[in-house]
PDB file of N, CA and C in Angstrom:
ATOM      1  N   UNK A   1      39.315 105.721  92.146  1.00  0.00           N
ATOM      2  CA  UNK A   1      39.380 106.495  93.343  1.00  0.00           C
ATOM      3  C   UNK A   1      40.717 106.267  94.046  1.00  0.00           C
ATOM      4  N   UNK A   2      41.191 107.259  94.654  1.00  0.00           N
ATOM      5  CA  UNK A   2      42.461 107.121  95.361  1.00  0.00           C
ATOM      6  C   UNK A   2      42.211 106.876  96.830  1.00  0.00           C
ATOM      7  N   UNK A   3      43.144 106.223  97.437  1.00  0.00           N
ATOM      8  CA  UNK A   3      43.084 105.943  98.849  1.00  0.00           C
ATOM      9  C   UNK A   3      43.726 107.117  99.570  1.00  0.00           C
ATOM     10  N   UNK A   4      42.905 107.847 100.342  1.00  0.00           N
ATOM     11  CA  UNK A   4      43.408 109.038 101.018  1.00  0.00           C
ATOM     12  C   UNK A   4      44.412 108.699 102.118  1.00  0.00           C
ATOM     13  N   UNK A   5      44.307 107.524 102.677  1.00  0.00           N
ATOM     14  CA  UNK A   5      45.255 107.117 103.728  1.00  0.00           C
ATOM     15  C   UNK A   5      46.656 106.957 103.158  1.00  0.00           C
ATOM     16  N   UNK A   6      46.774 106.305 102.004  1.00  0.00           N
ATOM     17  CA  UNK A   6      48.093 106.153 101.400  1.00  0.00           C
ATOM     18  C   UNK A   6      48.689 107.474 100.927  1.00  0.00           C
ATOM     19  N   UNK A   7      47.828 108.360 100.438  1.00  0.00           N
ATOM     20  CA  UNK A   7      48.278 109.655  99.993  1.00  0.00           C
ATOM     21  C   UNK A   7      48.780 110.467 101.186  1.00  0.00           C
ATOM     22  N   UNK A   8      48.110 110.348 102.330  1.00  0.00           N
ATOM     23  CA  UNK A   8      48.531 111.036 103.539  1.00  0.00           C
ATOM     24  C   UNK A   8      49.884 110.495 103.998  1.00  0.00           C
ATOM     25  N   UNK A   9      50.046 109.169 103.976  1.00  0.00           N
ATOM     26  CA  UNK A   9      51.317 108.560 104.369  1.00  0.00           C
ATOM     27  C   UNK A   9      52.453 109.009 103.473  1.00  0.00           C
ATOM     28  N   UNK A  10      52.193 109.131 102.155  1.00  0.00           N
ATOM     29  CA  UNK A  10      53.194 109.560 101.233  1.00  0.00           C
ATOM     30  C   UNK A  10      53.625 110.992 101.516  1.00  0.00           C
ATOM     31  N   UNK A  11      52.627 111.851 101.776  1.00  0.00           N
ATOM     32  CA  UNK A  11      52.961 113.251 102.049  1.00  0.00           C
ATOM     33  C   UNK A  11      53.712 113.372 103.359  1.00  0.00           C
ATOM     34  N   UNK A  12      53.388 112.557 104.367  1.00  0.00           N
ATOM     35  CA  UNK A  12      54.111 112.581 105.624  1.00  0.00           C
ATOM     36  C   UNK A  12      55.537 112.124 105.439  1.00  0.00           C
ATOM     37  N   UNK A  13      55.740 111.053 104.663  1.00  0.00           N
ATOM     38  CA  UNK A  13      57.089 110.561 104.392  1.00  0.00           C
ATOM     39  C   UNK A  13      57.911 111.653 103.666  1.00  0.00           C
ATOM     40  N   UNK A  14      57.305 112.305 102.682  1.00  0.00           N
ATOM     41  CA  UNK A  14      58.052 113.338 101.955  1.00  0.00           C
ATOM     42  C   UNK A  14      58.369 114.499 102.843  1.00  0.00           C
ATOM     43  N   UNK A  15      57.452 114.866 103.752  1.00  0.00           N
ATOM     44  CA  UNK A  15      57.698 115.966 104.659  1.00  0.00           C
ATOM     45  C   UNK A  15      58.865 115.697 105.602  1.00  0.00           C
ATOM     46  N   UNK A  16      59.074 114.451 105.974  1.00  0.00           N
ATOM     47  CA  UNK A  16      60.196 114.141 106.842  1.00  0.00           C
ATOM     48  C   UNK A  16      61.488 113.923 106.056  1.00  0.00           C
ATOM     49  N   UNK A  17      61.392 113.475 104.803  1.00  0.00           N
ATOM     50  CA  UNK A  17      62.594 113.186 104.020  1.00  0.00           C
ATOM     51  C   UNK A  17      63.184 114.425 103.366  1.00  0.00           C
ATOM     52  N   UNK A  18      62.349 115.263 102.758  1.00  0.00           N
ATOM     53  CA  UNK A  18      62.829 116.393 101.995  1.00  0.00           C
ATOM     54  C   UNK A  18      63.578 117.424 102.829  1.00  0.00           C
ATOM     55  N   UNK A  19      63.122 117.821 104.007  1.00  0.00           N
ATOM     56  CA  UNK A  19      63.897 118.816 104.738  1.00  0.00           C
ATOM     57  C   UNK A  19      65.303 118.342 105.089  1.00  0.00           C
ATOM     58  N   UNK A  20      65.435 117.063 105.430  1.00  0.00           N
ATOM     59  CA  UNK A  20      66.759 116.530 105.743  1.00  0.00           C
ATOM     60  C   UNK A  20      67.667 116.579 104.535  1.00  0.00           C
ATOM     61  N   UNK A  21      67.184 116.087 103.405  1.00  0.00           N
ATOM     62  CA  UNK A  21      67.971 116.038 102.210  1.00  0.00           C
ATOM     63  C   UNK A  21      68.266 117.438 101.689  1.00  0.00           C
ATOM     64  N   UNK A  22      67.266 118.281 101.655  1.00  0.00           N
ATOM     65  CA  UNK A  22      67.445 119.627 101.177  1.00  0.00           C
ATOM     66  C   UNK A  22      68.379 120.408 102.094  1.00  0.00           C
ATOM     67  N   UNK A  23      68.201 120.241 103.422  1.00  0.00           N
ATOM     68  CA  UNK A  23      69.028 120.919 104.385  1.00  0.00           C
ATOM     69  C   UNK A  23      70.506 120.565 104.227  1.00  0.00           C
ATOM     70  N   UNK A  24      70.812 119.294 104.040  1.00  0.00           N
ATOM     71  CA  UNK A  24      72.216 118.889 103.884  1.00  0.00           C
ATOM     72  C   UNK A  24      72.802 119.440 102.610  1.00  0.00           C
ATOM     73  N   UNK A  25      72.042 119.392 101.520  1.00  0.00           N
ATOM     74  CA  UNK A  25      72.609 119.863 100.248  1.00  0.00           C
ATOM     75  C   UNK A  25      72.829 121.377 100.285  1.00  0.00           C
ATOM     76  N   UNK A  26      71.927 122.109 100.949  1.00  0.00           N
ATOM     77  CA  UNK A  26      72.123 123.552 101.058  1.00  0.00           C
ATOM     78  C   UNK A  26      73.331 123.845 101.922  1.00  0.00           C
ATOM     79  N   UNK A  27      73.496 123.088 102.991  1.00  0.00           N
ATOM     80  CA  UNK A  27      74.635 123.308 103.917  1.00  0.00           C
ATOM     81  C   UNK A  27      75.950 123.023 103.186  1.00  0.00           C
ATOM     82  N   UNK A  28      76.020 121.906 102.495  1.00  0.00           N
ATOM     83  CA  UNK A  28      77.286 121.555 101.820  1.00  0.00           C
ATOM     84  C   UNK A  28      77.578 122.495 100.682  1.00  0.00           C
ATOM     85  N   UNK A  29      76.553 122.956  99.958  1.00  0.00           N
ATOM     86  CA  UNK A  29      76.828 123.905  98.853  1.00  0.00           C
ATOM     87  C   UNK A  29      77.272 125.229  99.417  1.00  0.00           C
ATOM     88  N   UNK A  30      76.766 125.646 100.587  1.00  0.00           N
ATOM     89  CA  UNK A  30      77.203 126.900 101.162  1.00  0.00           C
ATOM     90  C   UNK A  30      78.662 126.812 101.603  1.00  0.00           C
ATOM     91  N   UNK A  31      79.048 125.665 102.133  1.00  0.00           N
ATOM     92  CA  UNK A  31      80.430 125.488 102.556  1.00  0.00           C
ATOM     93  C   UNK A  31      81.345 125.518 101.361  1.00  0.00           C
ATOM     94  N   UNK A  32      80.966 124.833 100.269  1.00  0.00           N
ATOM     95  CA  UNK A  32      81.815 124.776  99.093  1.00  0.00           C
ATOM     96  C   UNK A  32      81.902 126.112  98.370  1.00  0.00           C
ATOM     97  N   UNK A  33      80.846 126.900  98.399  1.00  0.00           N
ATOM     98  CA  UNK A  33      80.838 128.154  97.675  1.00  0.00           C
ATOM     99  C   UNK A  33      81.252 129.331  98.527  1.00  0.00           C
ATOM    100  N   UNK A  34      81.437 129.150  99.819  1.00  0.00           N
ATOM    101  CA  UNK A  34      81.784 130.266 100.686  1.00  0.00           C
ATOM    102  C   UNK A  34      83.253 130.655 100.450  1.00  0.00           C
ATOM    103  N   UNK A  35      83.574 131.919 100.670  1.00  0.00           N
ATOM    104  CA  UNK A  35      84.977 132.344 100.509  1.00  0.00           C
ATOM    105  C   UNK A  35      85.846 131.671 101.600  1.00  0.00           C
ATOM    106  N   UNK A  36      87.121 131.560 101.292  1.00  0.00           N
ATOM    107  CA  UNK A  36      88.034 130.858 102.170  1.00  0.00           C
ATOM    108  C   UNK A  36      88.302 131.690 103.442  1.00  0.00           C
ATOM    109  N   UNK A  37      88.403 131.014 104.542  1.00  0.00           N
ATOM    110  CA  UNK A  37      88.753 131.632 105.809  1.00  0.00           C
ATOM    111  C   UNK A  37      90.147 132.257 105.675  1.00  0.00           C
ATOM    112  N   UNK A  38      90.373 133.458 106.222  1.00  0.00           N
ATOM    113  CA  UNK A  38      91.701 134.096 106.065  1.00  0.00           C
ATOM    114  C   UNK A  38      92.832 133.276 106.670  1.00  0.00           C
ATOM    115  N   UNK A  39      92.610 132.620 107.760  1.00  0.00           N
ATOM    116  CA  UNK A  39      93.663 131.812 108.374  1.00  0.00           C
ATOM    117  C   UNK A  39      93.904 130.559 107.533  1.00  0.00           C
ATOM    118  N   UNK A  40      92.863 129.980 107.004  1.00  0.00           N
ATOM    119  CA  UNK A  40      93.025 128.811 106.131  1.00  0.00           C
ATOM    120  C   UNK A  40      93.779 129.230 104.862  1.00  0.00           C
ATOM    121  N   UNK A  41      93.472 130.403 104.331  1.00  0.00           N
ATOM    122  CA  UNK A  41      94.160 130.874 103.121  1.00  0.00           C
ATOM    123  C   UNK A  41      95.641 131.106 103.452  1.00  0.00           C
ATOM    124  N   UNK A  42      95.940 131.719 104.578  1.00  0.00           N
ATOM    125  CA  UNK A  42      97.337 131.941 104.961  1.00  0.00           C
ATOM    126  C   UNK A  42      98.089 130.618 105.103  1.00  0.00           C
ATOM    127  N   UNK A  43      97.453 129.634 105.722  1.00  0.00           N
ATOM    128  CA  UNK A  43      98.046 128.322 105.892  1.00  0.00           C
ATOM    129  C   UNK A  43      98.341 127.658 104.534  1.00  0.00           C
ATOM    130  N   UNK A  44      97.376 127.660 103.657  1.00  0.00           N
ATOM    131  CA  UNK A  44      97.567 127.054 102.324  1.00  0.00           C
ATOM    132  C   UNK A  44      98.618 127.801 101.519  1.00  0.00           C
ATOM    133  N   UNK A  45      98.642 129.129 101.632  1.00  0.00           N
ATOM    134  CA  UNK A  45      99.667 129.896 100.926  1.00  0.00           C
ATOM    135  C   UNK A  45     101.057 129.564 101.420  1.00  0.00           C
ATOM    136  N   UNK A  46     101.210 129.388 102.736  1.00  0.00           N
ATOM    137  CA  UNK A  46     102.554 129.050 103.285  1.00  0.00           C
ATOM    138  C   UNK A  46     102.961 127.646 102.859  1.00  0.00           C
ATOM    139  N   UNK A  47     102.010 126.711 102.810  1.00  0.00           N
ATOM    140  CA  UNK A  47     102.342 125.368 102.360  1.00  0.00           C
ATOM    141  C   UNK A  47     102.778 125.379 100.911  1.00  0.00           C
ATOM    142  N   UNK A  48     102.053 126.119 100.072  1.00  0.00           N
ATOM    143  CA  UNK A  48     102.425 126.207  98.645  1.00  0.00           C
ATOM    144  C   UNK A  48     103.788 126.870  98.471  1.00  0.00           C
ATOM    145  N   UNK A  49     104.040 127.929  99.270  1.00  0.00           N
ATOM    146  CA  UNK A  49     105.333 128.589  99.192  1.00  0.00           C
ATOM    147  C   UNK A  49     106.467 127.634  99.594  1.00  0.00           C
ATOM    148  N   UNK A  50     106.268 126.893 100.664  1.00  0.00           N
ATOM    149  CA  UNK A  50     107.284 125.949 101.123  1.00  0.00           C
ATOM    150  C   UNK A  50     107.510 124.867 100.064  1.00  0.00           C
ATOM    151  N   UNK A  51     106.448 124.433  99.418  1.00  0.00           N
ATOM    152  CA  UNK A  51     106.547 123.400  98.384  1.00  0.00           C
ATOM    153  C   UNK A  51     107.404 123.891  97.217  1.00  0.00           C
ATOM    154  N   UNK A  52     107.177 125.097  96.763  1.00  0.00           N
ATOM    155  CA  UNK A  52     107.984 125.618  95.651  1.00  0.00           C
ATOM    156  C   UNK A  52     109.425 125.833  96.064  1.00  0.00           C
ATOM    157  N   UNK A  53     109.625 126.317  97.281  1.00  0.00           N
ATOM    158  CA  UNK A  53     111.003 126.547  97.763  1.00  0.00           C
ATOM    159  C   UNK A  53     111.745 125.226  97.950  1.00  0.00           C
ATOM    160  N   UNK A  54     111.054 124.183  98.430  1.00  0.00           N
ATOM    161  CA  UNK A  54     111.732 122.892  98.638  1.00  0.00           C
ATOM    162  C   UNK A  54     112.049 122.217  97.314  1.00  0.00           C
ATOM    163  N   UNK A  55     111.205 122.393  96.328  1.00  0.00           N
ATOM    164  CA  UNK A  55     111.471 121.839  95.000  1.00  0.00           C
ATOM    165  C   UNK A  55     112.669 122.568  94.355  1.00  0.00           C
ATOM    166  N   UNK A  56     112.733 123.873  94.570  1.00  0.00           N
ATOM    167  CA  UNK A  56     113.857 124.628  94.034  1.00  0.00           C
ATOM    168  C   UNK A  56     115.178 124.249  94.702  1.00  0.00           C
ATOM    169  N   UNK A  57     115.105 124.008  96.027  1.00  0.00           N
ATOM    170  CA  UNK A  57     116.315 123.672  96.772  1.00  0.00           C
ATOM    171  C   UNK A  57     116.673 122.207  96.613  1.00  0.00           C
ATOM    172  N   UNK A  58     115.755 121.367  96.204  1.00  0.00           N
ATOM    173  CA  UNK A  58     116.026 119.941  96.028  1.00  0.00           C
ATOM    174  C   UNK A  58     116.036 119.208  97.381  1.00  0.00           C
ATOM    175  N   UNK A  59     115.340 119.715  98.356  1.00  0.00           N
ATOM    176  CA  UNK A  59     115.319 119.063  99.678  1.00  0.00           C
ATOM    177  C   UNK A  59     114.679 119.985 100.677  1.00  0.00           C
ATOM    178  N   UNK A  60     115.199 119.910 101.896  1.00  0.00           N
ATOM    179  CA  UNK A  60     114.662 120.776 102.952  1.00  0.00           C
ATOM    180  C   UNK A  60     115.035 122.226 102.747  1.00  0.00           C
ATOM    181  N   UNK A  61     114.114 123.115 103.118  1.00  0.00           N
ATOM    182  CA  UNK A  61     114.350 124.547 102.972  1.00  0.00           C
ATOM    183  C   UNK A  61     115.103 125.055 104.210  1.00  0.00           C
ATOM    184  N   UNK A  62     116.090 125.871 103.998  1.00  0.00           N
ATOM    185  CA  UNK A  62     116.871 126.504 105.074  1.00  0.00           C
ATOM    186  C   UNK A  62     117.566 125.477 105.954  1.00  0.00           C
ATOM    187  N   UNK A  63     117.958 124.349 105.398  1.00  0.00           N
ATOM    188  CA  UNK A  63     118.733 123.327 106.157  1.00  0.00           C
ATOM    189  C   UNK A  63     120.203 123.736 106.053  1.00  0.00           C
ATOM    190  N   UNK A  64     120.778 124.108 107.185  1.00  0.00           N
ATOM    191  CA  UNK A  64     122.141 124.564 107.197  1.00  0.00           C
ATOM    192  C   UNK A  64     123.142 123.439 107.223  1.00  0.00           C
ATOM    193  N   UNK A  65     124.419 123.794 107.326  1.00  0.00           N
ATOM    194  CA  UNK A  65     125.457 122.783 107.368  1.00  0.00           C
ATOM    195  C   UNK A  65     125.396 121.971 108.667  1.00  0.00           C
ATOM    196  N   UNK A  66     124.919 122.558 109.740  1.00  0.00           N
ATOM    197  CA  UNK A  66     124.783 121.829 110.999  1.00  0.00           C
ATOM    198  C   UNK A  66     123.808 120.682 110.846  1.00  0.00           C
ATOM    199  N   UNK A  67     122.708 120.945 110.182  1.00  0.00           N
ATOM    200  CA  UNK A  67     121.720 119.908 109.951  1.00  0.00           C
ATOM    201  C   UNK A  67     122.286 118.771 109.088  1.00  0.00           C
ATOM    202  N   UNK A  68     122.948 119.151 108.025  1.00  0.00           N
ATOM    203  CA  UNK A  68     123.539 118.145 107.122  1.00  0.00           C
ATOM    204  C   UNK A  68     124.560 117.306 107.859  1.00  0.00           C
ATOM    205  N   UNK A  69     125.359 117.914 108.732  1.00  0.00           N
ATOM    206  CA  UNK A  69     126.359 117.180 109.504  1.00  0.00           C
ATOM    207  C   UNK A  69     125.671 116.214 110.460  1.00  0.00           C
ATOM    208  N   UNK A  70     124.637 116.698 111.168  1.00  0.00           N
ATOM    209  CA  UNK A  70     123.915 115.838 112.121  1.00  0.00           C
ATOM    210  C   UNK A  70     123.234 114.677 111.394  1.00  0.00           C
ATOM    211  N   UNK A  71     122.677 114.930 110.232  1.00  0.00           N
ATOM    212  CA  UNK A  71     122.044 113.896 109.455  1.00  0.00           C
ATOM    213  C   UNK A  71     123.049 112.831 109.014  1.00  0.00           C
ATOM    214  N   UNK A  72     124.230 113.249 108.565  1.00  0.00           N
ATOM    215  CA  UNK A  72     125.257 112.304 108.144  1.00  0.00           C
ATOM    216  C   UNK A  72     125.733 111.473 109.341  1.00  0.00           C
ATOM    217  N   UNK A  73     125.848 112.075 110.501  1.00  0.00           N
ATOM    218  CA  UNK A  73     126.260 111.316 111.700  1.00  0.00           C
ATOM    219  C   UNK A  73     125.211 110.284 112.067  1.00  0.00           C
ATOM    220  N   UNK A  74     123.946 110.648 112.005  1.00  0.00           N
ATOM    221  CA  UNK A  74     122.881 109.708 112.374  1.00  0.00           C
ATOM    222  C   UNK A  74     122.807 108.551 111.373  1.00  0.00           C
ATOM    223  N   UNK A  75     122.975 108.859 110.075  1.00  0.00           N
ATOM    224  CA  UNK A  75     122.946 107.809 109.081  1.00  0.00           C
ATOM    225  C   UNK A  75     124.112 106.844 109.275  1.00  0.00           C
ATOM    226  N   UNK A  76     125.289 107.408 109.572  1.00  0.00           N
ATOM    227  CA  UNK A  76     126.479 106.554 109.825  1.00  0.00           C
ATOM    228  C   UNK A  76     126.266 105.672 111.058  1.00  0.00           C
ATOM    229  N   UNK A  77     125.638 106.243 112.095  1.00  0.00           N
ATOM    230  CA  UNK A  77     125.356 105.469 113.298  1.00  0.00           C
ATOM    231  C   UNK A  77     124.383 104.331 113.011  1.00  0.00           C
ATOM    232  N   UNK A  78     123.346 104.604 112.229  1.00  0.00           N
ATOM    233  CA  UNK A  78     122.383 103.548 111.888  1.00  0.00           C
ATOM    234  C   UNK A  78     123.050 102.481 111.008  1.00  0.00           C
ATOM    235  N   UNK A  79     123.903 102.864 110.118  1.00  0.00           N
ATOM    236  CA  UNK A  79     124.602 101.866 109.284  1.00  0.00           C
ATOM    237  C   UNK A  79     125.516 100.985 110.116  1.00  0.00           C
ATOM    238  N   UNK A  80     126.176 101.583 111.120  1.00  0.00           N
ATOM    239  CA  UNK A  80     127.011 100.776 112.015  1.00  0.00           C
ATOM    240  C   UNK A  80     126.164  99.813 112.814  1.00  0.00           C
ATOM    241  N   UNK A  81     125.036 100.280 113.337  1.00  0.00           N
ATOM    242  CA  UNK A  81     124.194  99.440 114.206  1.00  0.00           C
ATOM    243  C   UNK A  81     123.505  98.340 113.427  1.00  0.00           C
ATOM    244  N   UNK A  82     123.055  98.623 112.222  1.00  0.00           N
ATOM    245  CA  UNK A  82     122.186  97.681 111.514  1.00  0.00           C
ATOM    246  C   UNK A  82     122.821  97.103 110.259  1.00  0.00           C
ATOM    247  N   UNK A  83     124.113  97.217 110.100  1.00  0.00           N
ATOM    248  CA  UNK A  83     124.793  96.507 109.045  1.00  0.00           C
ATOM    249  C   UNK A  83     124.776  97.166 107.685  1.00  0.00           C
ATOM    250  N   UNK A  84     124.584  98.438 107.602  1.00  0.00           N
ATOM    251  CA  UNK A  84     124.658  99.117 106.312  1.00  0.00           C
ATOM    252  C   UNK A  84     123.441  98.933 105.452  1.00  0.00           C
ATOM    253  N   UNK A  85     123.651  99.008 104.193  1.00  0.00           N
ATOM    254  CA  UNK A  85     122.515  98.931 103.243  1.00  0.00           C
ATOM    255  C   UNK A  85     121.985 100.321 102.954  1.00  0.00           C
ATOM    256  N   UNK A  86     121.014 100.368 102.083  1.00  0.00           N
ATOM    257  CA  UNK A  86     120.394 101.618 101.733  1.00  0.00           C
ATOM    258  C   UNK A  86     119.307 101.920 102.748  1.00  0.00           C
ATOM    259  N   UNK A  87     119.535 102.943 103.553  1.00  0.00           N
ATOM    260  CA  UNK A  87     118.575 103.281 104.614  1.00  0.00           C
ATOM    261  C   UNK A  87     117.418 104.105 104.105  1.00  0.00           C
ATOM    262  N   UNK A  88     117.485 104.582 102.882  1.00  0.00           N
ATOM    263  CA  UNK A  88     116.418 105.412 102.340  1.00  0.00           C
ATOM    264  C   UNK A  88     115.312 104.587 101.705  1.00  0.00           C
ATOM    265  N   UNK A  89     115.579 103.307 101.423  1.00  0.00           N
ATOM    266  CA  UNK A  89     114.568 102.462 100.796  1.00  0.00           C
ATOM    267  C   UNK A  89     113.942 101.514 101.826  1.00  0.00           C
ATOM    268  N   UNK A  90     112.724 101.083 101.525  1.00  0.00           N
ATOM    269  CA  UNK A  90     112.029 100.165 102.412  1.00  0.00           C
ATOM    270  C   UNK A  90     112.640  98.774 102.266  1.00  0.00           C
ATOM    271  N   UNK A  91     112.885  98.087 103.367  1.00  0.00           N
ATOM    272  CA  UNK A  91     113.493  96.760 103.257  1.00  0.00           C
ATOM    273  C   UNK A  91     112.555  95.762 102.584  1.00  0.00           C
ATOM    274  N   UNK A  92     113.177  94.812 101.897  1.00  0.00           N
ATOM    275  CA  UNK A  92     112.427  93.739 101.253  1.00  0.00           C
ATOM    276  C   UNK A  92     112.533  92.498 102.105  1.00  0.00           C
ATOM    277  N   UNK A  93     111.369  91.947 102.455  1.00  0.00           N
ATOM    278  CA  UNK A  93     111.342  90.756 103.285  1.00  0.00           C
ATOM    279  C   UNK A  93     111.094  89.529 102.403  1.00  0.00           C
ATOM    280  N   UNK A  94     111.755  88.446 102.774  1.00  0.00           N
ATOM    281  CA  UNK A  94     111.523  87.192 102.060  1.00  0.00           C
ATOM    282  C   UNK A  94     111.228  86.137 103.117  1.00  0.00           C
ATOM    283  N   UNK A  95     110.038  85.623 103.071  1.00  0.00           N
ATOM    284  CA  UNK A  95     109.604  84.613 104.006  1.00  0.00           C
ATOM    285  C   UNK A  95     109.532  83.261 103.285  1.00  0.00           C
ATOM    286  N   UNK A  96     110.096  82.262 103.893  1.00  0.00           N
ATOM    287  CA  UNK A  96     109.994  80.941 103.324  1.00  0.00           C
ATOM    288  C   UNK A  96     108.697  80.300 103.815  1.00  0.00           C
ATOM    289  N   UNK A  97     108.124  79.516 102.937  1.00  0.00           N
ATOM    290  CA  UNK A  97     106.896  78.800 103.267  1.00  0.00           C
ATOM    291  C   UNK A  97     107.263  77.703 104.275  1.00  0.00           C
ATOM    292  N   UNK A  98     106.591  77.662 105.400  1.00  0.00           N
ATOM    293  CA  UNK A  98     106.916  76.609 106.381  1.00  0.00           C
ATOM    294  C   UNK A  98     106.477  75.241 105.869  1.00  0.00           C
ATOM    295  N   UNK A  99     107.254  74.254 106.210  1.00  0.00           N
ATOM    296  CA  UNK A  99     106.926  72.897 105.817  1.00  0.00           C
ATOM    297  C   UNK A  99     105.989  72.320 106.855  1.00  0.00           C
ATOM    298  N   UNK A 100     104.814  71.945 106.393  1.00  0.00           N
ATOM    299  CA  UNK A 100     103.791  71.427 107.296  1.00  0.00           C
ATOM    300  C   UNK A 100     103.617  69.931 107.053  1.00  0.00           C
ATOM    301  N   UNK A 101     103.472  69.204 108.131  1.00  0.00           N
ATOM    302  CA  UNK A 101     103.203  67.782 108.029  1.00  0.00           C
ATOM    303  C   UNK A 101     101.725  67.570 107.829  1.00  0.00           C
ATOM    304  N   UNK A 102     101.395  66.603 106.979  1.00  0.00           N
ATOM    305  CA  UNK A 102      99.992  66.325 106.795  1.00  0.00           C
ATOM    306  C   UNK A 102      99.480  65.549 108.008  1.00  0.00           C
ATOM    307  N   UNK A 103      98.287  65.883 108.396  1.00  0.00           N
ATOM    308  CA  UNK A 103      97.667  65.194 109.519  1.00  0.00           C
ATOM    309  C   UNK A 103      96.745  64.148 108.952  1.00  0.00           C
ATOM    310  N   UNK A 104      96.930  62.932 109.428  1.00  0.00           N
ATOM    311  CA  UNK A 104      96.070  61.825 108.939  1.00  0.00           C
ATOM    312  C   UNK A 104      94.702  61.974 109.554  1.00  0.00           C
ATOM    313  N   UNK A 105      93.682  61.901 108.718  1.00  0.00           N
ATOM    314  CA  UNK A 105      92.332  61.991 109.223  1.00  0.00           C
ATOM    315  C   UNK A 105      91.882  60.627 109.662  1.00  0.00           C
ATOM    316  N   UNK A 106      91.206  60.572 110.744  1.00  0.00           N
ATOM    317  CA  UNK A 106      90.742  59.295 111.300  1.00  0.00           C
ATOM    318  C   UNK A 106      89.394  58.921 110.790  1.00  0.00           C
TER     319      UNK A 106
END
């Protein structure tokens, strides 16, 4: 014989669990399968277009001679202020291990 109380508890648990799980999966699948928003599509198309144009140009797109001149001036200023070096690479830090005195335990 089965215990009707346990069966009722199981059905109650499933009734509270399944709608939440099913609801979330239906919602996420609708979002994934829905057509793209026109503004989102326009944004992604412009990013892809800029990416191909910047790869073809080898740098910034539509950067004129004024920009190149200003960039060179700023790089020269930074090299004067901070002692030169390659400003395009991340600096390498070297830390020495501090010398610690041993503490005598009492």
